[in-house]
Protein backbone atom coordinates (compact mmCIF):
# COMPACT_ATOMS: atom_id res chain seq x y z
CA UNK A 1 -0.07 0.05 0.10
CA UNK A 2 2.04 3.33 -1.09
CA UNK A 3 -0.71 5.39 0.56
CA UNK A 4 -0.38 9.05 2.37
CA UNK A 5 2.06 10.16 4.72
CA UNK A 6 0.30 11.04 7.67
CA UNK A 7 1.98 11.67 11.03
CA UNK A 8 -0.52 10.97 14.20
CA UNK A 9 0.58 12.32 17.82
CA UNK A 10 -0.81 9.53 20.54
CA UNK A 11 -0.40 9.98 24.69
CA UNK A 12 -2.29 9.32 27.77
CA UNK A 13 -2.38 9.71 31.37
CA UNK A 14 -4.06 7.34 32.85
CA UNK A 15 -4.25 3.72 33.19
CA UNK A 16 -1.53 2.20 31.27
CA UNK A 17 -0.37 4.44 28.30
CA UNK A 18 2.76 2.54 27.47
CA UNK A 19 0.04 -0.11 27.25
CA UNK A 20 -2.24 1.56 25.25
CA UNK A 21 -0.34 3.63 22.93
CA UNK A 22 1.01 0.42 20.53
CA UNK A 23 -2.62 -1.32 21.08
CA UNK A 24 -4.15 1.84 19.62
CA UNK A 25 -1.62 1.44 16.68
CA UNK A 26 -2.06 -2.14 16.23
CA UNK A 27 -5.66 -1.66 16.45
CA UNK A 28 -5.55 0.92 13.55
CA UNK A 29 -3.42 -0.57 11.72
CA UNK A 30 -5.74 -4.26 12.13
CA UNK A 31 -9.22 -2.61 11.66
CA UNK A 32 -8.49 -0.10 8.54
CA UNK A 33 -5.92 0.18 5.28
CA UNK A 34 -3.10 1.36 7.56
CA UNK A 35 0.62 0.64 7.20
CA UNK A 36 2.71 1.50 10.19
CA UNK A 37 5.88 2.97 8.81
CA UNK A 38 7.83 4.23 12.24
CA UNK A 39 7.13 5.07 15.66
CA UNK A 40 9.17 7.24 17.76
CA UNK A 41 10.04 6.52 21.50
CA UNK A 42 7.86 7.24 24.46
CA UNK A 43 8.41 10.38 26.06
CA UNK A 44 7.24 11.47 29.37
CA UNK A 45 5.80 14.53 29.32
CA UNK A 46 4.22 17.32 31.78
CA UNK A 47 0.83 18.16 31.33
CA UNK A 48 -0.21 21.01 28.76
CA UNK A 49 -3.25 23.50 28.96
CA UNK A 50 -4.76 21.67 32.12
CA UNK A 51 -1.47 21.01 34.27
CA UNK A 52 -3.37 19.70 37.37
CA UNK A 53 -3.00 16.28 36.19
CA UNK A 54 -0.58 13.62 36.28
CA UNK A 55 2.36 13.40 33.55
CA UNK A 56 1.81 12.15 29.82
CA UNK A 57 3.25 9.46 27.79
CA UNK A 58 3.54 10.64 24.59
CA UNK A 59 4.43 8.86 21.36
CA UNK A 60 4.47 9.92 17.45
CA UNK A 61 3.56 7.35 14.27
CA UNK A 62 4.42 7.94 11.12
CA UNK A 63 1.63 5.60 8.78
CA UNK A 64 1.03 4.76 5.11
CA UNK A 65 -2.82 5.39 4.38
CA UNK A 66 -5.12 5.30 1.56
CA UNK A 67 -8.22 6.62 3.78
CA UNK A 68 -9.53 9.62 3.62
CA UNK A 69 -8.86 12.35 6.40
CA UNK A 70 -12.17 12.23 7.65
CA UNK A 71 -12.09 8.60 7.61
CA UNK A 72 -8.97 8.14 9.30
CA UNK A 73 -10.03 10.77 12.03
CA UNK A 74 -13.44 8.65 12.24
CA UNK A 75 -11.31 5.55 12.64
CA UNK A 76 -8.58 7.06 15.36
CA UNK A 77 -12.07 8.07 17.28
CA UNK A 78 -13.35 4.33 17.12
CA UNK A 79 -9.92 3.08 18.27
CA UNK A 80 -10.01 5.48 21.12
CA UNK A 81 -13.54 4.55 22.07
CA UNK A 82 -12.57 0.53 22.20
CA UNK A 83 -9.56 1.91 24.63
CA UNK A 84 -12.21 3.41 26.94
CA UNK A 85 -11.27 6.90 26.16
CA UNK A 86 -13.46 9.38 27.73
CA UNK A 87 -13.98 13.07 27.01
CA UNK A 88 -14.89 14.79 30.28
CA UNK A 89 -12.92 18.08 29.92
CA UNK A 90 -10.89 19.67 27.70
CA UNK A 91 -7.23 18.94 28.03
CA UNK A 92 -7.71 16.51 30.81
CA UNK A 93 -7.01 13.56 32.03
CA UNK A 94 -6.86 10.55 29.44
CA UNK A 95 -6.45 6.75 28.86
CA UNK A 96 -5.58 7.52 24.88
CA UNK A 97 -5.25 10.22 22.54
CA UNK A 98 -4.76 10.33 18.87
CA UNK A 99 -4.23 13.38 16.94
CA UNK A 100 -3.97 13.69 13.38
CA UNK A 101 -0.37 15.79 12.93
CA UNK A 102 -0.24 16.12 9.59
CA UNK A 103 -1.82 14.51 6.03
CA UNK A 104 1.36 15.10 3.50
CA UNK A 105 1.11 18.30 2.44
CA UNK A 106 -2.43 18.77 3.03
CA UNK A 107 -3.76 21.85 4.62
CA UNK A 108 -7.66 21.32 6.00
CA UNK A 109 -9.28 23.27 7.78
CA UNK A 110 -13.27 22.21 8.21
CA UNK A 111 -15.54 21.65 11.37
CA UNK A 112 -13.79 18.94 13.34
CA UNK A 113 -10.35 18.72 11.50
CA UNK A 114 -7.68 20.93 11.41
CA UNK A 115 -4.61 19.47 9.48
CA UNK A 116 -1.88 20.50 10.35
CA UNK A 117 -3.38 19.83 13.66
CA UNK A 118 -3.56 24.01 14.37
CA UNK A 119 -1.25 23.68 17.96
CA UNK A 120 1.41 21.84 16.74
CA UNK A 121 4.12 24.79 16.65
CA UNK A 122 3.82 25.00 20.37
CA UNK A 123 3.46 21.55 21.57
CA UNK A 124 6.99 20.30 22.28
CA UNK A 125 5.46 16.88 23.54
CA UNK A 126 4.34 16.52 19.82
CA UNK A 127 7.61 18.24 17.89
CA UNK A 128 10.38 16.11 20.42
CA UNK A 129 9.13 12.43 19.03
CA UNK A 130 7.89 13.70 15.95
CA UNK A 131 12.01 14.93 15.07
CA UNK A 132 13.01 11.62 16.37
CA UNK A 133 11.39 9.88 12.99
CA UNK A 134 10.95 12.75 10.80
CA UNK A 135 13.25 16.01 11.28
CA UNK A 136 13.43 17.24 7.43
CA UNK A 137 9.39 16.52 7.37
CA UNK A 138 8.41 20.16 6.60
CA UNK A 139 4.62 21.17 7.80
CA UNK A 140 3.36 25.07 6.83
CA UNK A 141 7.26 26.07 5.49
CA UNK A 142 9.58 24.98 8.37
CA UNK A 143 10.95 21.87 9.13
CA UNK A 144 10.03 19.93 12.07
CA UNK A 145 13.93 19.83 13.49
CA UNK A 146 13.19 23.81 13.10
CA UNK A 147 9.80 23.68 14.97
CA UNK A 148 11.40 21.15 17.71
CA UNK A 149 14.20 23.60 18.28
CA UNK A 150 11.95 26.80 18.73
CA UNK A 151 10.02 25.24 21.54
CA UNK A 152 10.84 24.82 25.11
CA UNK A 153 11.28 21.26 25.87
CA UNK A 154 12.37 21.09 29.51
CA UNK A 155 10.41 18.48 31.12
CA UNK A 156 10.44 16.18 28.27
CA UNK A 157 12.07 12.94 29.23
CA UNK A 158 12.51 10.12 26.62
CA UNK A 159 11.68 6.71 28.92
CA UNK A 160 11.99 3.81 26.10
CA UNK A 161 13.16 3.10 22.75
CA UNK A 162 10.91 1.35 20.18
CA UNK A 163 12.36 -2.10 20.58
CA UNK A 164 10.92 -1.82 24.29
CA UNK A 165 7.37 -1.10 23.82
CA UNK A 166 5.88 -0.51 20.37
CA UNK A 167 4.12 -2.51 17.65
CA UNK A 168 5.88 -4.89 15.09
CA UNK A 169 6.57 -2.75 12.12
CA UNK A 170 5.46 -3.79 9.16
CA UNK A 171 7.37 -4.33 6.57
């Protein structure tokens, strides 16, 4: 499957996100025309937005898919629901979160779907793992490495190398 180059941000801070992140990727690939190409290391990150909650574990995955962006979003939301994601408060605690970060070079701004992710340039918890697997990828005219260098990444700590926790990458 050639497919479009897509980046997903994954994270969680309740339950067992170190188990749920690879489980989410496995479910997404098993139930949809999605091929996992790369997965970053797992990072412990301070909460963003609503800071009165536990630290998060975050990672970024590169996938290839022939799904349309809205269909991929629906698939990601279905995986979140199957892994008991409950949306109780904005930026609040969660078992799993899957965000569409970039979908090739597309720019999409419609109700419920904005690509590239509208707050990407301010989110070190996404940019640090994204730079690990796609430093040269260009978003909004800037490389991921440039975007990552421009944010405060204090408090972000790599906690696991991909081989220690990631799902098997399809070759």
